[in-house]
Amino acid sequence: MKKVEDNNNVGQPPVKLEDTTSFETPEGNKIFQQGVLLRSVSKFVAGTDEDAVMPIPVFFCPDTKKIVGLTLPPEIRDEYKDDLI
């Protein structure tokens, strides 16, 4: 019987865990939480009757509340530069 390949990374090159490195904060923290930044979207941009809200999922350090910058879209990283690791 042929082994079925794991397709969790569809469209991405296969990455083995042994080819990765641990990510940690400058303080040495290695555990992160997932959070959501909320962005307002004008009703004119959204094409709706009311303004809308756009959620942006991010990871952050629970101790410092600093956002892992790599999890933010590049277009808004500068806006949050004081809150990034």
PDB file of N, CA and C in Angstrom:
ATOM      1  N   MET A   1       0.842  -1.173   0.000  1.00  0.00           N
ATOM      2  CA  MET A   1       0.000   0.000   0.000  1.00  0.00           C
ATOM      3  C   MET A   1       0.889   1.238   0.000  1.00  0.00           C
ATOM      4  N   LYS A   2       0.567   2.191  -0.860  1.00  0.00           N
ATOM      5  CA  LYS A   2       1.340   3.422  -0.983  1.00  0.00           C
ATOM      6  C   LYS A   2       0.992   4.377   0.154  1.00  0.00           C
ATOM      7  N   LYS A   3       2.027   4.984   0.751  1.00  0.00           N
ATOM      8  CA  LYS A   3       1.831   5.939   1.838  1.00  0.00           C
ATOM      9  C   LYS A   3       1.287   7.251   1.278  1.00  0.00           C
ATOM     10  N   VAL A   4       0.255   7.769   1.911  1.00  0.00           N
ATOM     11  CA  VAL A   4      -0.319   9.048   1.510  1.00  0.00           C
ATOM     12  C   VAL A   4       0.494  10.154   2.166  1.00  0.00           C
ATOM     13  N   GLU A   5       0.934  11.126   1.372  1.00  0.00           N
ATOM     14  CA  GLU A   5       1.728  12.249   1.888  1.00  0.00           C
ATOM     15  C   GLU A   5       0.832  13.228   2.626  1.00  0.00           C
ATOM     16  N   ASP A   6       1.377  13.843   3.652  1.00  0.00           N
ATOM     17  CA  ASP A   6       0.671  14.868   4.415  1.00  0.00           C
ATOM     18  C   ASP A   6       0.593  16.129   3.564  1.00  0.00           C
ATOM     19  N   ASN A   7      -0.615  16.656   3.362  1.00  0.00           N
ATOM     20  CA  ASN A   7      -0.801  17.833   2.508  1.00  0.00           C
ATOM     21  C   ASN A   7      -1.119  19.082   3.312  1.00  0.00           C
ATOM     22  N   ASN A   8      -0.621  19.189   4.551  1.00  0.00           N
ATOM     23  CA  ASN A   8      -0.879  20.383   5.355  1.00  0.00           C
ATOM     24  C   ASN A   8      -0.220  21.624   4.768  1.00  0.00           C
ATOM     25  N   ASN A   9       0.833  21.466   4.010  1.00  0.00           N
ATOM     26  CA  ASN A   9       1.558  22.600   3.430  1.00  0.00           C
ATOM     27  C   ASN A   9       1.314  22.688   1.931  1.00  0.00           C
ATOM     28  N   VAL A  10       0.076  22.546   1.509  1.00  0.00           N
ATOM     29  CA  VAL A  10      -0.260  22.594   0.095  1.00  0.00           C
ATOM     30  C   VAL A  10       0.225  23.909  -0.498  1.00  0.00           C
ATOM     31  N   GLY A  11       0.959  23.828  -1.597  1.00  0.00           N
ATOM     32  CA  GLY A  11       1.457  25.020  -2.259  1.00  0.00           C
ATOM     33  C   GLY A  11       2.737  25.561  -1.661  1.00  0.00           C
ATOM     34  N   GLN A  12       3.264  24.922  -0.638  1.00  0.00           N
ATOM     35  CA  GLN A  12       4.499  25.359  -0.003  1.00  0.00           C
ATOM     36  C   GLN A  12       5.523  24.241  -0.107  1.00  0.00           C
ATOM     37  N   PRO A  13       6.806  24.591  -0.144  1.00  0.00           N
ATOM     38  CA  PRO A  13       7.827  23.546  -0.190  1.00  0.00           C
ATOM     39  C   PRO A  13       7.789  22.729   1.100  1.00  0.00           C
ATOM     40  N   PRO A  14       8.070  21.418   1.018  1.00  0.00           N
ATOM     41  CA  PRO A  14       8.074  20.609   2.236  1.00  0.00           C
ATOM     42  C   PRO A  14       9.200  21.038   3.176  1.00  0.00           C
ATOM     43  N   VAL A  15       8.874  21.175   4.445  1.00  0.00           N
ATOM     44  CA  VAL A  15       9.853  21.588   5.447  1.00  0.00           C
ATOM     45  C   VAL A  15       9.854  20.541   6.556  1.00  0.00           C
ATOM     46  N   LYS A  16      11.031  20.039   6.874  1.00  0.00           N
ATOM     47  CA  LYS A  16      11.170  19.082   7.961  1.00  0.00           C
ATOM     48  C   LYS A  16      11.453  19.851   9.251  1.00  0.00           C
ATOM     49  N   LEU A  17      10.923  19.366  10.370  1.00  0.00           N
ATOM     50  CA  LEU A  17      11.141  20.047  11.638  1.00  0.00           C
ATOM     51  C   LEU A  17      12.615  20.161  11.982  1.00  0.00           C
ATOM     52  N   GLU A  18      13.410  19.169  11.589  1.00  0.00           N
ATOM     53  CA  GLU A  18      14.843  19.235  11.895  1.00  0.00           C
ATOM     54  C   GLU A  18      15.555  20.323  11.086  1.00  0.00           C
ATOM     55  N   ASP A  19      14.880  20.889  10.083  1.00  0.00           N
ATOM     56  CA  ASP A  19      15.452  21.977   9.300  1.00  0.00           C
ATOM     57  C   ASP A  19      15.014  23.352   9.810  1.00  0.00           C
ATOM     58  N   THR A  20      14.353  23.383  10.969  1.00  0.00           N
ATOM     59  CA  THR A  20      13.879  24.638  11.539  1.00  0.00           C
ATOM     60  C   THR A  20      14.652  24.961  12.817  1.00  0.00           C
ATOM     61  N   THR A  21      14.495  26.173  13.295  1.00  0.00           N
ATOM     62  CA  THR A  21      15.108  26.579  14.566  1.00  0.00           C
ATOM     63  C   THR A  21      14.027  27.148  15.474  1.00  0.00           C
ATOM     64  N   SER A  22      14.278  27.114  16.761  1.00  0.00           N
ATOM     65  CA  SER A  22      13.335  27.626  17.748  1.00  0.00           C
ATOM     66  C   SER A  22      13.258  29.147  17.641  1.00  0.00           C
ATOM     67  N   PHE A  23      12.075  29.687  17.857  1.00  0.00           N
ATOM     68  CA  PHE A  23      11.875  31.130  17.881  1.00  0.00           C
ATOM     69  C   PHE A  23      11.685  31.534  19.326  1.00  0.00           C
ATOM     70  N   GLU A  24      12.398  32.549  19.769  1.00  0.00           N
ATOM     71  CA  GLU A  24      12.231  33.022  21.132  1.00  0.00           C
ATOM     72  C   GLU A  24      12.391  34.530  21.209  1.00  0.00           C
ATOM     73  N   THR A  25      11.869  35.103  22.286  1.00  0.00           N
ATOM     74  CA  THR A  25      11.953  36.543  22.501  1.00  0.00           C
ATOM     75  C   THR A  25      13.345  36.894  23.011  1.00  0.00           C
ATOM     76  N   PRO A  26      13.693  38.171  23.014  1.00  0.00           N
ATOM     77  CA  PRO A  26      14.985  38.574  23.592  1.00  0.00           C
ATOM     78  C   PRO A  26      15.133  38.157  25.060  1.00  0.00           C
ATOM     79  N   GLU A  27      14.005  37.982  25.756  1.00  0.00           N
ATOM     80  CA  GLU A  27      14.032  37.550  27.157  1.00  0.00           C
ATOM     81  C   GLU A  27      14.147  36.032  27.291  1.00  0.00           C
ATOM     82  N   GLY A  28      14.100  35.316  26.169  1.00  0.00           N
ATOM     83  CA  GLY A  28      14.226  33.862  26.187  1.00  0.00           C
ATOM     84  C   GLY A  28      12.909  33.108  26.228  1.00  0.00           C
ATOM     85  N   ASN A  29      11.784  33.797  26.104  1.00  0.00           N
ATOM     86  CA  ASN A  29      10.476  33.129  26.107  1.00  0.00           C
ATOM     87  C   ASN A  29      10.260  32.374  24.804  1.00  0.00           C
ATOM     88  N   LYS A  30       9.753  31.145  24.905  1.00  0.00           N
ATOM     89  CA  LYS A  30       9.521  30.306  23.729  1.00  0.00           C
ATOM     90  C   LYS A  30       8.055  29.934  23.535  1.00  0.00           C
ATOM     91  N   ILE A  31       7.202  30.378  24.435  1.00  0.00           N
ATOM     92  CA  ILE A  31       5.773  30.072  24.354  1.00  0.00           C
ATOM     93  C   ILE A  31       5.032  31.344  23.966  1.00  0.00           C
ATOM     94  N   PHE A  32       4.119  31.223  22.996  1.00  0.00           N
ATOM     95  CA  PHE A  32       3.382  32.365  22.476  1.00  0.00           C
ATOM     96  C   PHE A  32       1.894  32.088  22.492  1.00  0.00           C
ATOM     97  N   GLN A  33       1.117  33.146  22.431  1.00  0.00           N
ATOM     98  CA  GLN A  33      -0.329  33.040  22.331  1.00  0.00           C
ATOM     99  C   GLN A  33      -0.777  33.640  21.012  1.00  0.00           C
ATOM    100  N   GLN A  34      -1.941  33.185  20.553  1.00  0.00           N
ATOM    101  CA  GLN A  34      -2.506  33.761  19.340  1.00  0.00           C
ATOM    102  C   GLN A  34      -3.515  34.826  19.745  1.00  0.00           C
ATOM    103  N   GLY A  35      -3.475  35.939  19.039  1.00  0.00           N
ATOM    104  CA  GLY A  35      -4.411  37.030  19.284  1.00  0.00           C
ATOM    105  C   GLY A  35      -4.892  37.588  17.955  1.00  0.00           C
ATOM    106  N   VAL A  36      -5.703  38.601  18.036  1.00  0.00           N
ATOM    107  CA  VAL A  36      -6.260  39.213  16.825  1.00  0.00           C
ATOM    108  C   VAL A  36      -6.173  40.726  16.947  1.00  0.00           C
ATOM    109  N   LEU A  37      -5.606  41.368  15.943  1.00  0.00           N
ATOM    110  CA  LEU A  37      -5.674  42.826  15.828  1.00  0.00           C
ATOM    111  C   LEU A  37      -6.918  43.142  15.016  1.00  0.00           C
ATOM    112  N   LEU A  38      -7.614  44.179  15.389  1.00  0.00           N
ATOM    113  CA  LEU A  38      -8.803  44.586  14.638  1.00  0.00           C
ATOM    114  C   LEU A  38      -8.505  45.887  13.912  1.00  0.00           C
ATOM    115  N   ARG A  39      -8.832  45.909  12.637  1.00  0.00           N
ATOM    116  CA  ARG A  39      -8.633  47.100  11.803  1.00  0.00           C
ATOM    117  C   ARG A  39      -9.996  47.583  11.319  1.00  0.00           C
ATOM    118  N   SER A  40     -10.204  48.889  11.370  1.00  0.00           N
ATOM    119  CA  SER A  40     -11.437  49.484  10.856  1.00  0.00           C
ATOM    120  C   SER A  40     -11.340  49.629   9.346  1.00  0.00           C
ATOM    121  N   VAL A  41     -12.445  49.363   8.687  1.00  0.00           N
ATOM    122  CA  VAL A  41     -12.527  49.513   7.229  1.00  0.00           C
ATOM    123  C   VAL A  41     -13.700  50.433   6.926  1.00  0.00           C
ATOM    124  N   SER A  42     -13.427  51.525   6.241  1.00  0.00           N
ATOM    125  CA  SER A  42     -14.470  52.480   5.883  1.00  0.00           C
ATOM    126  C   SER A  42     -15.550  51.799   5.055  1.00  0.00           C
ATOM    127  N   LYS A  43     -16.788  52.215   5.263  1.00  0.00           N
ATOM    128  CA  LYS A  43     -17.896  51.656   4.483  1.00  0.00           C
ATOM    129  C   LYS A  43     -17.711  51.915   2.986  1.00  0.00           C
ATOM    130  N   PHE A  44     -16.978  52.969   2.647  1.00  0.00           N
ATOM    131  CA  PHE A  44     -16.743  53.273   1.236  1.00  0.00           C
ATOM    132  C   PHE A  44     -15.754  52.285   0.625  1.00  0.00           C
ATOM    133  N   VAL A  45     -14.775  51.865   1.415  1.00  0.00           N
ATOM    134  CA  VAL A  45     -13.801  50.867   0.950  1.00  0.00           C
ATOM    135  C   VAL A  45     -14.442  49.478   0.956  1.00  0.00           C
ATOM    136  N   ALA A  46     -15.214  49.181   2.012  1.00  0.00           N
ATOM    137  CA  ALA A  46     -15.839  47.865   2.146  1.00  0.00           C
ATOM    138  C   ALA A  46     -17.013  47.687   1.202  1.00  0.00           C
ATOM    139  N   GLY A  47     -17.590  48.804   0.718  1.00  0.00           N
ATOM    140  CA  GLY A  47     -18.746  48.700  -0.163  1.00  0.00           C
ATOM    141  C   GLY A  47     -19.997  48.256   0.575  1.00  0.00           C
ATOM    142  N   THR A  48     -20.106  48.650   1.845  1.00  0.00           N
ATOM    143  CA  THR A  48     -21.248  48.272   2.675  1.00  0.00           C
ATOM    144  C   THR A  48     -21.929  49.519   3.216  1.00  0.00           C
ATOM    145  N   ASP A  49     -23.073  49.330   3.898  1.00  0.00           N
ATOM    146  CA  ASP A  49     -23.799  50.461   4.476  1.00  0.00           C
ATOM    147  C   ASP A  49     -23.133  51.010   5.726  1.00  0.00           C
ATOM    148  N   GLU A  50     -22.329  50.172   6.391  1.00  0.00           N
ATOM    149  CA  GLU A  50     -21.663  50.580   7.621  1.00  0.00           C
ATOM    150  C   GLU A  50     -20.174  50.266   7.536  1.00  0.00           C
ATOM    151  N   ASP A  51     -19.400  50.936   8.399  1.00  0.00           N
ATOM    152  CA  ASP A  51     -17.985  50.600   8.486  1.00  0.00           C
ATOM    153  C   ASP A  51     -17.854  49.138   8.905  1.00  0.00           C
ATOM    154  N   ALA A  52     -16.758  48.522   8.535  1.00  0.00           N
ATOM    155  CA  ALA A  52     -16.536  47.113   8.836  1.00  0.00           C
ATOM    156  C   ALA A  52     -15.288  46.951   9.703  1.00  0.00           C
ATOM    157  N   VAL A  53     -15.090  45.749  10.201  1.00  0.00           N
ATOM    158  CA  VAL A  53     -13.920  45.407  11.004  1.00  0.00           C
ATOM    159  C   VAL A  53     -13.206  44.251  10.329  1.00  0.00           C
ATOM    160  N   MET A  54     -11.872  44.372  10.199  1.00  0.00           N
ATOM    161  CA  MET A  54     -11.066  43.313   9.603  1.00  0.00           C
ATOM    162  C   MET A  54     -10.174  42.719  10.691  1.00  0.00           C
ATOM    163  N   PRO A  55     -10.350  41.425  11.002  1.00  0.00           N
ATOM    164  CA  PRO A  55      -9.474  40.788  11.991  1.00  0.00           C
ATOM    165  C   PRO A  55      -8.164  40.345  11.347  1.00  0.00           C
ATOM    166  N   ILE A  56      -7.058  40.545  12.058  1.00  0.00           N
ATOM    167  CA  ILE A  56      -5.750  40.098  11.581  1.00  0.00           C
ATOM    168  C   ILE A  56      -5.144  39.203  12.671  1.00  0.00           C
ATOM    169  N   PRO A  57      -5.046  37.888  12.402  1.00  0.00           N
ATOM    170  CA  PRO A  57      -4.476  36.999  13.414  1.00  0.00           C
ATOM    171  C   PRO A  57      -2.976  37.226  13.573  1.00  0.00           C
ATOM    172  N   VAL A  58      -2.518  37.239  14.831  1.00  0.00           N
ATOM    173  CA  VAL A  58      -1.099  37.437  15.144  1.00  0.00           C
ATOM    174  C   VAL A  58      -0.717  36.520  16.303  1.00  0.00           C
ATOM    175  N   PHE A  59       0.580  36.345  16.500  1.00  0.00           N
ATOM    176  CA  PHE A  59       1.103  35.680  17.689  1.00  0.00           C
ATOM    177  C   PHE A  59       1.817  36.731  18.524  1.00  0.00           C
ATOM    178  N   PHE A  60       1.730  36.588  19.865  1.00  0.00           N
ATOM    179  CA  PHE A  60       2.375  37.546  20.754  1.00  0.00           C
ATOM    180  C   PHE A  60       2.914  36.834  21.984  1.00  0.00           C
ATOM    181  N   CYS A  61       3.866  37.489  22.640  1.00  0.00           N
ATOM    182  CA  CYS A  61       4.439  36.969  23.881  1.00  0.00           C
ATOM    183  C   CYS A  61       3.470  37.294  25.012  1.00  0.00           C
ATOM    184  N   PRO A  62       2.999  36.296  25.761  1.00  0.00           N
ATOM    185  CA  PRO A  62       2.045  36.585  26.835  1.00  0.00           C
ATOM    186  C   PRO A  62       2.655  37.392  27.985  1.00  0.00           C
ATOM    187  N   ASP A  63       3.976  37.336  28.150  1.00  0.00           N
ATOM    188  CA  ASP A  63       4.618  38.085  29.231  1.00  0.00           C
ATOM    189  C   ASP A  63       4.765  39.566  28.900  1.00  0.00           C
ATOM    190  N   THR A  64       5.239  39.867  27.686  1.00  0.00           N
ATOM    191  CA  THR A  64       5.510  41.259  27.316  1.00  0.00           C
ATOM    192  C   THR A  64       4.393  41.881  26.483  1.00  0.00           C
ATOM    193  N   LYS A  65       3.507  41.062  25.967  1.00  0.00           N
ATOM    194  CA  LYS A  65       2.416  41.487  25.064  1.00  0.00           C
ATOM    195  C   LYS A  65       2.954  42.020  23.733  1.00  0.00           C
ATOM    196  N   LYS A  66       4.219  41.770  23.431  1.00  0.00           N
ATOM    197  CA  LYS A  66       4.808  42.203  22.157  1.00  0.00           C
ATOM    198  C   LYS A  66       4.402  41.221  21.060  1.00  0.00           C
ATOM    199  N   ILE A  67       4.116  41.752  19.886  1.00  0.00           N
ATOM    200  CA  ILE A  67       3.673  40.961  18.732  1.00  0.00           C
ATOM    201  C   ILE A  67       4.885  40.424  17.986  1.00  0.00           C
ATOM    202  N   VAL A  68       4.797  39.182  17.556  1.00  0.00           N
ATOM    203  CA  VAL A  68       5.842  38.621  16.692  1.00  0.00           C
ATOM    204  C   VAL A  68       5.675  39.296  15.331  1.00  0.00           C
ATOM    205  N   GLY A  69       6.624  40.144  14.973  1.00  0.00           N
ATOM    206  CA  GLY A  69       6.524  40.961  13.762  1.00  0.00           C
ATOM    207  C   GLY A  69       6.320  40.168  12.492  1.00  0.00           C
ATOM    208  N   LEU A  70       6.889  38.978  12.422  1.00  0.00           N
ATOM    209  CA  LEU A  70       6.747  38.160  11.209  1.00  0.00           C
ATOM    210  C   LEU A  70       5.315  37.701  10.978  1.00  0.00           C
ATOM    211  N   THR A  71       4.459  37.802  12.003  1.00  0.00           N
ATOM    212  CA  THR A  71       3.069  37.382  11.831  1.00  0.00           C
ATOM    213  C   THR A  71       2.163  38.528  11.382  1.00  0.00           C
ATOM    214  N   LEU A  72       2.729  39.723  11.266  1.00  0.00           N
ATOM    215  CA  LEU A  72       1.967  40.877  10.780  1.00  0.00           C
ATOM    216  C   LEU A  72       2.192  41.077   9.289  1.00  0.00           C
ATOM    217  N   PRO A  73       1.172  41.500   8.561  1.00  0.00           N
ATOM    218  CA  PRO A  73       1.405  41.843   7.156  1.00  0.00           C
ATOM    219  C   PRO A  73       2.438  42.970   7.061  1.00  0.00           C
ATOM    220  N   PRO A  74       3.365  42.888   6.110  1.00  0.00           N
ATOM    221  CA  PRO A  74       4.416  43.914   5.987  1.00  0.00           C
ATOM    222  C   PRO A  74       3.875  45.337   5.863  1.00  0.00           C
ATOM    223  N   GLU A  75       2.694  45.492   5.279  1.00  0.00           N
ATOM    224  CA  GLU A  75       2.135  46.820   5.041  1.00  0.00           C
ATOM    225  C   GLU A  75       1.830  47.582   6.330  1.00  0.00           C
ATOM    226  N   ILE A  76       1.638  46.888   7.450  1.00  0.00           N
ATOM    227  CA  ILE A  76       1.271  47.586   8.690  1.00  0.00           C
ATOM    228  C   ILE A  76       2.314  47.414   9.802  1.00  0.00           C
ATOM    229  N   ARG A  77       3.426  46.767   9.524  1.00  0.00           N
ATOM    230  CA  ARG A  77       4.445  46.547  10.566  1.00  0.00           C
ATOM    231  C   ARG A  77       4.973  47.855  11.141  1.00  0.00           C
ATOM    232  N   ASP A  78       5.151  48.867  10.305  1.00  0.00           N
ATOM    233  CA  ASP A  78       5.699  50.138  10.788  1.00  0.00           C
ATOM    234  C   ASP A  78       4.761  50.788  11.803  1.00  0.00           C
ATOM    235  N   GLU A  79       3.472  50.638  11.602  1.00  0.00           N
ATOM    236  CA  GLU A  79       2.486  51.218  12.516  1.00  0.00           C
ATOM    237  C   GLU A  79       2.597  50.616  13.923  1.00  0.00           C
ATOM    238  N   TYR A  80       3.037  49.356  13.999  1.00  0.00           N
ATOM    239  CA  TYR A  80       3.134  48.645  15.278  1.00  0.00           C
ATOM    240  C   TYR A  80       4.580  48.472  15.734  1.00  0.00           C
ATOM    241  N   LYS A  81       5.512  49.218  15.140  1.00  0.00           N
ATOM    242  CA  LYS A  81       6.947  48.992  15.358  1.00  0.00           C
ATOM    243  C   LYS A  81       7.353  49.012  16.835  1.00  0.00           C
ATOM    244  N   ASP A  82       6.667  49.784  17.667  1.00  0.00           N
ATOM    245  CA  ASP A  82       7.020  49.843  19.096  1.00  0.00           C
ATOM    246  C   ASP A  82       6.464  48.650  19.879  1.00  0.00           C
ATOM    247  N   ASP A  83       5.620  47.851  19.246  1.00  0.00           N
ATOM    248  CA  ASP A  83       4.994  46.702  19.906  1.00  0.00           C
ATOM    249  C   ASP A  83       5.444  45.374  19.334  1.00  0.00           C
ATOM    250  N   LEU A  84       6.576  45.363  18.595  1.00  0.00           N
ATOM    251  CA  LEU A  84       7.022  44.146  17.923  1.00  0.00           C
ATOM    252  C   LEU A  84       8.268  43.531  18.542  1.00  0.00           C
ATOM    253  N   ILE A  85       8.368  42.226  18.396  1.00  0.00           N
ATOM    254  CA  ILE A  85       9.626  41.514  18.658  1.00  0.00           C
ATOM    255  C   ILE A  85      10.028  40.861  17.361  1.00  0.00           C
TER     256      ILE A  85
END
